[in-house]
């Protein structure tokens, strides 16, 4: 089997990945439909930013608790419950839209409830992968998961755009698309049921007791490499990766396009994202410097996207934006999981997701306001500039921290990589 797809030789992972692909298509369909729904109800970029922020707010508020849950309970059972927790709000929103009863406050509330399910699902799902494939194939599986997510991104937004346009581009049309996502969670529930428990490798269950969240935070603070990765992820996720909102505003306000053309933009970006994910699947050991450099290149490309004069030129830049974003995300994800102690993996994954997804409630309303005040192009230009500034400051502070620890700092990337490898070696010794 090709090294790019080697994790698929494991039956449990194949079954799980098949169910996840179906659900991912539904997720992307709902993202487009929900954005189009709130724009139809309000016509406001700020409202769109608020909706996106509310959907990701639970990740900011609940991720530490969700990480403890992922470490203390069987992850397979947690995932069963979270699929139901995400399917129910999707079902309710779909029914409200189809019947013409949806109001903006309905979308706000349901987006938040949906986000609660996602907050508990994400750390359990992230840390469950290694229980299916083991450490040797973890980096490959992380890359394949991203490839699955972005393969769905090729299909989901375009399919949603076509279905919404075919249904008249109104509120009811978005409802049928959202209902399709509610049904897609049955695929994940079925795949979880079909897994062979004898071939899973569950991590040790964390002991009950107070201070579990603080212990996870202390562990991360003791790791300079993790701190730098999380800082990079924060700035990219908070100010840069607001694609739901930025593409919607660029399509409607700048290029005067409809639902079909908006959905197509998501699929075009996914071409680059899929390429980045497949390249990541071939890397056995991602590096901290790759996370930082990918984040900086991403910020430059995002500024360039905001300057594109036409719909076609904007679409041409999007694959590169997707490739750099996914390179950063997959490298960060795999590095964190590979170098974290098994008993801490759920809590560290939760902290990573809290920073990555939880930054959106801070950034989305701000970027939405920027777009409404200065124009849609500035959602990309301003986001890219803030991302570049934040990563640069993080690298400078990391260099000072290493100097304070009497570590050499030239070049910084090599020093951080050395620290990561040293910690990874210690973790392997502990695990054995």
Protein backbone atom coordinates (compact mmCIF):
# COMPACT_ATOMS: atom_id res chain seq x y z
CA UNK A 1 0.00 0.00 0.00
CA UNK A 2 1.19 3.54 -0.77
CA UNK A 3 2.81 5.29 2.23
CA UNK A 4 0.23 8.05 1.81
CA UNK A 5 -2.62 5.65 2.71
CA UNK A 6 -0.88 3.14 4.98
CA UNK A 7 -3.26 3.68 7.95
CA UNK A 8 -6.12 2.33 5.81
CA UNK A 9 -4.67 -1.18 6.08
CA UNK A 10 -6.14 -1.21 9.61
CA UNK A 11 -9.74 -2.41 9.45
CA UNK A 12 -11.05 -0.37 12.38
CA UNK A 13 -9.67 2.80 10.88
CA UNK A 14 -11.12 2.00 7.44
CA UNK A 15 -14.59 1.52 8.93
CA UNK A 16 -14.37 4.67 11.03
CA UNK A 17 -13.01 6.75 8.15
CA UNK A 18 -15.89 5.68 5.88
CA UNK A 19 -18.50 6.86 8.38
CA UNK A 20 -16.58 10.08 9.04
CA UNK A 21 -16.46 10.89 5.33
CA UNK A 22 -20.25 10.74 5.03
CA UNK A 23 -20.67 12.91 8.12
CA UNK A 24 -18.05 15.39 6.88
CA UNK A 25 -19.99 15.91 3.66
CA UNK A 26 -23.09 16.65 5.72
CA UNK A 27 -21.15 19.03 7.97
CA UNK A 28 -19.92 21.10 5.04
CA UNK A 29 -23.39 21.16 3.54
CA UNK A 30 -24.80 22.55 6.79
CA UNK A 31 -22.05 25.15 7.09
CA UNK A 32 -22.98 26.62 3.72
CA UNK A 33 -26.71 26.31 4.39
CA UNK A 34 -26.52 27.88 7.84
CA UNK A 35 -24.49 30.83 6.53
CA UNK A 36 -26.91 31.33 3.65
CA UNK A 37 -29.86 31.05 6.03
CA UNK A 38 -28.67 33.82 8.35
CA UNK A 39 -27.82 36.03 5.36
CA UNK A 40 -31.32 35.46 3.99
CA UNK A 41 -32.87 36.32 7.35
CA UNK A 42 -30.75 39.40 8.14
CA UNK A 43 -28.55 40.42 5.20
CA UNK A 44 -25.92 41.33 7.80
CA UNK A 45 -22.23 40.42 7.86
CA UNK A 46 -22.20 41.12 11.58
CA UNK A 47 -25.04 38.63 12.11
CA UNK A 48 -23.08 36.06 10.14
CA UNK A 49 -20.04 36.69 12.33
CA UNK A 50 -22.15 36.38 15.49
CA UNK A 51 -23.59 33.05 14.29
CA UNK A 52 -20.13 31.68 13.55
CA UNK A 53 -18.84 32.96 16.88
CA UNK A 54 -21.70 31.39 18.84
CA UNK A 55 -21.13 28.04 17.15
CA UNK A 56 -17.50 28.03 18.27
CA UNK A 57 -17.98 29.72 21.66
CA UNK A 58 -18.58 26.39 23.49
CA UNK A 59 -15.14 25.25 22.36
CA UNK A 60 -13.70 28.21 24.25
CA UNK A 61 -15.85 27.66 27.35
CA UNK A 62 -16.07 23.87 27.58
CA UNK A 63 -12.95 22.40 25.98
CA UNK A 64 -11.06 21.95 29.29
CA UNK A 65 -13.99 19.96 30.70
CA UNK A 66 -14.37 18.08 27.41
CA UNK A 67 -10.71 17.09 27.57
CA UNK A 68 -11.15 15.68 31.06
CA UNK A 69 -14.20 13.71 29.84
CA UNK A 70 -12.14 12.33 26.94
CA UNK A 71 -9.41 11.18 29.33
CA UNK A 72 -11.74 9.73 31.99
CA UNK A 73 -14.31 7.84 29.90
CA UNK A 74 -14.09 5.38 26.98
CA UNK A 75 -13.74 7.58 23.91
CA UNK A 76 -15.90 5.32 21.75
CA UNK A 77 -18.85 5.82 24.11
CA UNK A 78 -18.25 9.56 24.30
CA UNK A 79 -18.34 9.74 20.51
CA UNK A 80 -21.66 7.91 20.37
CA UNK A 81 -23.20 10.51 22.65
CA UNK A 82 -21.72 13.48 20.83
CA UNK A 83 -23.11 12.33 17.46
CA UNK A 84 -26.61 12.48 18.94
CA UNK A 85 -25.84 15.84 20.56
CA UNK A 86 -24.99 17.28 17.13
CA UNK A 87 -27.74 15.57 15.15
CA UNK A 88 -30.61 16.87 17.30
CA UNK A 89 -29.96 20.64 16.89
CA UNK A 90 -29.37 20.13 13.16
CA UNK A 91 -32.73 18.38 12.94
CA UNK A 92 -34.49 21.18 14.83
CA UNK A 93 -32.94 23.95 12.71
CA UNK A 94 -33.75 22.10 9.52
CA UNK A 95 -37.40 21.71 10.49
CA UNK A 96 -37.68 25.38 11.46
CA UNK A 97 -36.23 26.47 8.13
CA UNK A 98 -38.32 24.09 6.02
CA UNK A 99 -41.53 25.23 7.70
CA UNK A 100 -40.61 28.90 7.32
CA UNK A 101 -40.55 29.44 11.08
CA UNK A 102 -36.83 30.20 11.43
CA UNK A 103 -35.89 33.50 13.04
CA UNK A 104 -32.37 34.91 13.57
CA UNK A 105 -32.48 34.14 17.29
CA UNK A 106 -33.33 30.50 16.47
CA UNK A 107 -30.15 30.28 14.40
CA UNK A 108 -28.09 31.89 17.17
CA UNK A 109 -29.37 29.53 19.88
CA UNK A 110 -29.13 26.37 17.79
CA UNK A 111 -25.64 27.29 16.58
CA UNK A 112 -24.56 27.53 20.22
CA UNK A 113 -26.20 24.20 21.16
CA UNK A 114 -24.62 22.53 18.15
CA UNK A 115 -21.29 23.96 19.28
CA UNK A 116 -21.68 22.30 22.69
CA UNK A 117 -21.87 18.89 21.01
CA UNK A 118 -18.88 19.75 18.85
CA UNK A 119 -16.85 20.90 21.88
CA UNK A 120 -17.19 17.47 23.53
CA UNK A 121 -16.83 15.56 20.26
CA UNK A 122 -13.58 17.11 19.06
CA UNK A 123 -11.06 16.09 21.80
CA UNK A 124 -12.52 12.59 22.02
CA UNK A 125 -12.35 12.19 18.25
CA UNK A 126 -8.82 13.60 18.01
CA UNK A 127 -7.44 11.36 20.75
CA UNK A 128 -9.40 8.28 19.59
CA UNK A 129 -7.40 8.04 16.36
CA UNK A 130 -4.25 6.77 18.07
CA UNK A 131 -6.33 4.06 19.80
CA UNK A 132 -7.27 2.72 16.37
CA UNK A 133 -3.92 2.99 14.56
CA UNK A 134 -1.17 3.22 17.21
CA UNK A 135 1.70 5.71 17.39
CA UNK A 136 3.54 4.52 14.25
CA UNK A 137 0.64 5.36 11.94
CA UNK A 138 -0.75 8.33 13.87
CA UNK A 139 0.76 11.08 11.71
CA UNK A 140 -0.50 9.31 8.60
CA UNK A 141 -3.99 8.90 10.05
CA UNK A 142 -4.12 12.58 11.05
CA UNK A 143 -3.25 13.52 7.48
CA UNK A 144 -5.86 11.12 6.08
CA UNK A 145 -8.49 12.53 8.45
CA UNK A 146 -7.75 15.99 7.08
CA UNK A 147 -7.87 14.59 3.55
CA UNK A 148 -11.30 13.09 4.28
CA UNK A 149 -12.52 16.36 5.75
CA UNK A 150 -11.35 18.28 2.70
CA UNK A 151 -12.57 15.71 0.21
CA UNK A 152 -15.95 16.32 1.80
CA UNK A 153 -15.26 20.02 1.48
CA UNK A 154 -14.93 19.54 -2.26
CA UNK A 155 -18.35 17.91 -2.43
CA UNK A 156 -20.35 19.42 0.45
CA UNK A 157 -20.31 23.16 -0.32
CA UNK A 158 -20.87 22.67 -4.05
CA UNK A 159 -23.69 20.20 -3.41
CA UNK A 160 -25.27 22.52 -0.86
CA UNK A 161 -25.03 25.45 -3.25
CA UNK A 162 -26.66 23.47 -6.05
CA UNK A 163 -29.46 22.19 -3.79
CA UNK A 164 -30.14 25.64 -2.32
CA UNK A 165 -30.22 27.20 -5.78
CA UNK A 166 -32.47 24.40 -7.09
CA UNK A 167 -34.84 25.02 -4.18
CA UNK A 168 -35.15 28.70 -4.99
CA UNK A 169 -32.27 30.03 -2.80
CA UNK A 170 -34.72 30.78 0.00
CA UNK A 171 -35.01 29.87 3.67
CA UNK A 172 -36.84 26.59 3.05
CA UNK A 173 -34.16 25.40 0.63
CA UNK A 174 -31.48 25.77 3.32
CA UNK A 175 -33.62 23.69 5.69
CA UNK A 176 -33.57 20.60 3.48
CA UNK A 177 -29.77 20.78 3.28
CA UNK A 178 -29.49 21.06 7.07
CA UNK A 179 -31.80 18.05 7.49
CA UNK A 180 -29.47 16.04 5.26
CA UNK A 181 -26.65 16.76 7.70
CA UNK A 182 -28.78 15.56 10.62
CA UNK A 183 -29.14 12.19 8.88
CA UNK A 184 -25.41 11.97 8.12
CA UNK A 185 -24.56 11.36 11.80
CA UNK A 186 -26.12 7.90 11.47
CA UNK A 187 -23.08 6.92 9.38
CA UNK A 188 -20.70 7.67 12.26
CA UNK A 189 -22.91 5.89 14.79
CA UNK A 190 -22.95 2.84 12.49
CA UNK A 191 -19.18 2.85 12.03
CA UNK A 192 -18.56 3.10 15.78
CA UNK A 193 -20.84 0.10 16.30
CA UNK A 194 -18.90 -1.93 13.72
CA UNK A 195 -15.45 -1.41 15.26
CA UNK A 196 -13.68 -4.49 16.63
CA UNK A 197 -12.87 -3.72 20.30
CA UNK A 198 -10.19 -6.43 20.38
CA UNK A 199 -8.09 -4.39 17.96
CA UNK A 200 -8.39 -1.07 19.77
CA UNK A 201 -5.58 0.24 21.99
CA UNK A 202 -7.30 2.38 24.63
CA UNK A 203 -5.17 4.83 26.55
CA UNK A 204 -4.99 4.55 30.35
CA UNK A 205 -8.02 6.17 31.94
CA UNK A 206 -7.08 9.26 33.91
CA UNK A 207 -7.81 8.93 37.63
CA UNK A 208 -10.72 10.83 39.11
CA UNK A 209 -9.93 13.74 41.33
CA UNK A 210 -9.74 17.48 41.45
CA UNK A 211 -7.20 19.52 39.53
CA UNK A 212 -7.27 17.55 36.26
CA UNK A 213 -7.65 20.69 34.15
CA UNK A 214 -4.86 22.47 36.03
CA UNK A 215 -2.59 19.45 35.58
CA UNK A 216 -3.10 19.64 31.82
CA UNK A 217 -2.33 23.36 31.79
CA UNK A 218 0.85 22.84 33.85
CA UNK A 219 1.97 20.12 31.47
CA UNK A 220 1.61 22.42 28.46
CA UNK A 221 3.40 25.29 30.20
CA UNK A 222 6.37 23.00 30.79
CA UNK A 223 6.67 22.40 27.03
CA UNK A 224 8.03 25.43 25.08
CA UNK A 225 7.40 23.65 21.79
CA UNK A 226 3.72 23.16 22.59
CA UNK A 227 3.35 26.77 23.71
CA UNK A 228 4.74 28.05 20.40
CA UNK A 229 2.50 25.72 18.41
CA UNK A 230 -0.60 26.77 20.34
CA UNK A 231 0.23 30.46 19.90
CA UNK A 232 0.55 29.99 16.13
CA UNK A 233 -2.70 28.05 16.01
CA UNK A 234 -4.46 30.78 18.01
CA UNK A 235 -3.60 33.60 15.62
CA UNK A 236 -4.32 31.60 12.47
CA UNK A 237 -7.60 30.24 13.84
CA UNK A 238 -8.80 33.50 15.39
CA UNK A 239 -8.00 36.03 12.67
CA UNK A 240 -7.19 34.01 9.57
CA UNK A 241 -9.41 30.97 9.17
CA UNK A 242 -12.81 32.65 9.06
CA UNK A 243 -13.48 31.20 5.62
CA UNK A 244 -17.22 30.68 6.16
CA UNK A 245 -17.69 34.39 6.65
CA UNK A 246 -15.00 35.85 4.40
CA UNK A 247 -15.98 33.83 1.33
CA UNK A 248 -19.68 34.57 1.87
CA UNK A 249 -18.99 38.31 2.08
CA UNK A 250 -16.60 38.29 -0.88
CA UNK A 251 -19.07 36.35 -3.02
CA UNK A 252 -22.09 38.51 -2.21
CA UNK A 253 -20.70 42.00 -1.50
CA UNK A 254 -17.63 42.20 -3.74
CA UNK A 255 -18.42 39.92 -6.69
CA UNK A 256 -22.25 40.02 -6.55
CA UNK A 257 -22.62 36.23 -6.81
CA UNK A 258 -25.29 33.82 -5.57
CA UNK A 259 -25.45 30.63 -3.53
CA UNK A 260 -24.03 28.40 -6.26
CA UNK A 261 -20.92 30.52 -6.79
CA UNK A 262 -20.45 30.87 -3.02
CA UNK A 263 -20.59 27.10 -2.55
CA UNK A 264 -18.10 26.65 -5.38
CA UNK A 265 -15.54 28.81 -3.58
CA UNK A 266 -15.47 26.35 -0.67
CA UNK A 267 -14.87 23.48 -3.06
CA UNK A 268 -12.09 25.34 -4.87
CA UNK A 269 -10.32 26.05 -1.57
CA UNK A 270 -10.68 22.40 -0.64
CA UNK A 271 -8.53 21.41 -3.62
CA UNK A 272 -5.55 23.03 -1.95
CA UNK A 273 -6.60 21.81 1.49
CA UNK A 274 -6.80 18.24 0.19
CA UNK A 275 -3.35 18.58 -1.34
CA UNK A 276 -1.96 19.84 1.95
CA UNK A 277 -3.58 16.97 3.84
CA UNK A 278 -2.20 14.32 1.47
CA UNK A 279 1.29 15.82 1.70
CA UNK A 280 0.96 15.74 5.48
CA UNK A 281 -0.01 12.06 5.35
CA UNK A 282 3.38 11.27 3.79
CA UNK A 283 5.36 12.99 6.56
CA UNK A 284 6.27 10.64 9.38
CA UNK A 285 7.43 13.37 11.78
CA UNK A 286 6.05 16.90 11.38
CA UNK A 287 8.22 19.74 12.70
CA UNK A 288 7.50 22.77 14.83
CA UNK A 289 9.19 25.05 12.34
CA UNK A 290 6.80 23.77 9.66
CA UNK A 291 3.86 24.91 11.81
CA UNK A 292 5.31 28.41 12.18
CA UNK A 293 6.42 28.84 8.56
CA UNK A 294 3.10 27.54 7.20
CA UNK A 295 1.26 30.00 9.43
CA UNK A 296 3.34 32.92 8.13
CA UNK A 297 2.93 31.92 4.47
CA UNK A 298 -0.80 31.51 5.06
CA UNK A 299 -1.05 35.10 6.32
CA UNK A 300 0.69 36.44 3.20
CA UNK A 301 -1.57 34.44 0.87
CA UNK A 302 -4.66 35.64 2.74
CA UNK A 303 -3.71 39.28 2.22
CA UNK A 304 -3.16 38.53 -1.48
CA UNK A 305 -6.61 36.90 -1.70
CA UNK A 306 -8.21 40.04 -0.32
CA UNK A 307 -6.58 42.09 -3.09
CA UNK A 308 -7.78 39.94 -5.99
CA UNK A 309 -9.77 42.06 -8.48
CA UNK A 310 -12.17 39.44 -9.87
CA UNK A 311 -14.13 36.38 -8.77
CA UNK A 312 -11.95 34.19 -11.03
CA UNK A 313 -8.63 35.52 -9.67
CA UNK A 314 -9.92 35.18 -6.11
CA UNK A 315 -10.87 31.56 -6.80
CA UNK A 316 -7.40 30.87 -8.24
CA UNK A 317 -5.70 31.97 -5.01
CA UNK A 318 -7.96 29.95 -2.71
CA UNK A 319 -6.26 26.53 -3.27
CA UNK A 320 -2.95 27.95 -2.04
CA UNK A 321 -4.75 29.44 0.96
CA UNK A 322 -6.24 26.03 1.71
CA UNK A 323 -2.91 24.24 1.26
CA UNK A 324 -1.02 26.49 3.68
CA UNK A 325 -3.82 26.39 6.24
CA UNK A 326 -4.02 22.58 6.22
CA UNK A 327 -0.25 22.23 6.33
CA UNK A 328 -0.22 24.28 9.52
CA UNK A 329 -3.21 22.48 11.07
CA UNK A 330 -2.10 18.91 10.34
CA UNK A 331 1.49 19.56 11.43
CA UNK A 332 0.28 21.12 14.68
CA UNK A 333 -2.22 18.34 15.37
CA UNK A 334 0.19 15.48 14.68
CA UNK A 335 3.06 17.06 16.64
CA UNK A 336 0.86 17.60 19.69
CA UNK A 337 -0.49 14.04 19.68
CA UNK A 338 2.85 12.36 18.99
CA UNK A 339 4.74 14.16 21.75
CA UNK A 340 2.10 14.18 24.50
CA UNK A 341 1.90 11.59 27.26
CA UNK A 342 -1.03 9.20 26.65
CA UNK A 343 -2.75 10.04 29.94
CA UNK A 344 -2.64 13.74 29.03
CA UNK A 345 -3.60 13.40 25.37
CA UNK A 346 -7.29 14.24 25.75
CA UNK A 347 -6.63 17.35 27.83
CA UNK A 348 -3.87 18.63 25.55
CA UNK A 349 -6.03 17.96 22.48
CA UNK A 350 -8.84 19.87 24.18
CA UNK A 351 -6.57 22.81 24.89
CA UNK A 352 -5.42 22.79 21.28
CA UNK A 353 -9.02 22.76 20.07
CA UNK A 354 -10.07 25.39 22.61
CA UNK A 355 -7.44 27.72 21.23
CA UNK A 356 -7.99 26.80 17.58
CA UNK A 357 -11.80 26.73 17.54
CA UNK A 358 -12.46 28.84 20.61
CA UNK A 359 -10.62 31.80 19.15
CA UNK A 360 -13.33 32.10 16.50
CA UNK A 361 -15.88 33.72 18.86
CA UNK A 362 -13.28 36.43 19.47
CA UNK A 363 -12.20 36.87 15.88
CA UNK A 364 -15.39 36.31 13.87
CA UNK A 365 -17.46 39.23 15.23
CA UNK A 366 -14.42 41.49 14.93
CA UNK A 367 -13.68 40.42 11.37
CA UNK A 368 -17.40 40.67 10.53
CA UNK A 369 -17.45 44.23 11.88
CA UNK A 370 -14.33 45.06 9.87
CA UNK A 371 -16.03 43.77 6.73
CA UNK A 372 -19.19 45.76 7.37
CA UNK A 373 -17.27 48.96 8.24
CA UNK A 374 -14.35 48.95 5.80
CA UNK A 375 -15.53 46.51 3.13
CA UNK A 376 -15.46 42.74 2.62
CA UNK A 377 -11.90 42.74 1.26
CA UNK A 378 -10.60 43.86 4.66
CA UNK A 379 -11.89 40.67 6.29
CA UNK A 380 -9.01 38.96 4.47
CA UNK A 381 -6.43 41.74 4.39
CA UNK A 382 -6.90 42.64 8.06
CA UNK A 383 -7.09 38.99 9.13
CA UNK A 384 -3.86 38.16 7.31
CA UNK A 385 -2.00 41.13 8.78
CA UNK A 386 -3.13 40.34 12.33
CA UNK A 387 -2.14 36.69 11.87
CA UNK A 388 1.35 37.58 10.65
CA UNK A 389 1.88 40.06 13.48
CA UNK A 390 0.72 37.59 16.12
CA UNK A 391 2.94 34.74 14.91
CA UNK A 392 5.95 37.04 14.67
CA UNK A 393 5.47 38.24 18.25
CA UNK A 394 5.04 34.61 19.41
CA UNK A 395 8.35 33.58 17.84
CA UNK A 396 10.14 36.52 19.48
CA UNK A 397 8.67 35.65 22.89
CA UNK A 398 9.56 31.99 22.41
CA UNK A 399 13.16 32.99 21.66
CA UNK A 400 13.27 35.04 24.86
CA UNK A 401 11.84 32.13 26.82
CA UNK A 402 14.49 29.78 25.48
CA UNK A 403 17.18 32.32 26.32
CA UNK A 404 15.83 32.57 29.87
CA UNK A 405 16.13 28.78 30.12
CA UNK A 406 19.78 29.13 28.95
CA UNK A 407 18.97 27.38 25.68
CA UNK A 408 20.65 28.55 22.44
CA UNK A 409 18.23 30.45 20.24
CA UNK A 410 19.92 30.58 16.84
CA UNK A 411 18.23 29.30 14.84
CA UNK A 412 15.06 29.23 16.90
CA UNK A 413 13.34 26.62 14.76
CA UNK A 414 16.13 24.11 15.32
CA UNK A 415 16.14 24.69 19.07
CA UNK A 416 12.39 24.17 19.34
CA UNK A 417 12.62 21.05 17.22
CA UNK A 418 15.36 19.71 19.48
CA UNK A 419 13.19 20.27 22.54
CA UNK A 420 10.30 18.48 20.87
CA UNK A 421 12.43 15.47 19.96
CA UNK A 422 13.85 15.32 23.46
CA UNK A 423 10.37 15.34 24.98
CA UNK A 424 9.13 12.77 22.47
CA UNK A 425 11.97 10.46 23.44
CA UNK A 426 11.11 10.83 27.10
CA UNK A 427 7.43 10.10 26.38
CA UNK A 428 8.32 6.90 24.53
CA UNK A 429 10.42 5.78 27.49
CA UNK A 430 7.52 6.47 29.85
CA UNK A 431 5.06 4.63 27.64
CA UNK A 432 7.31 1.56 27.46
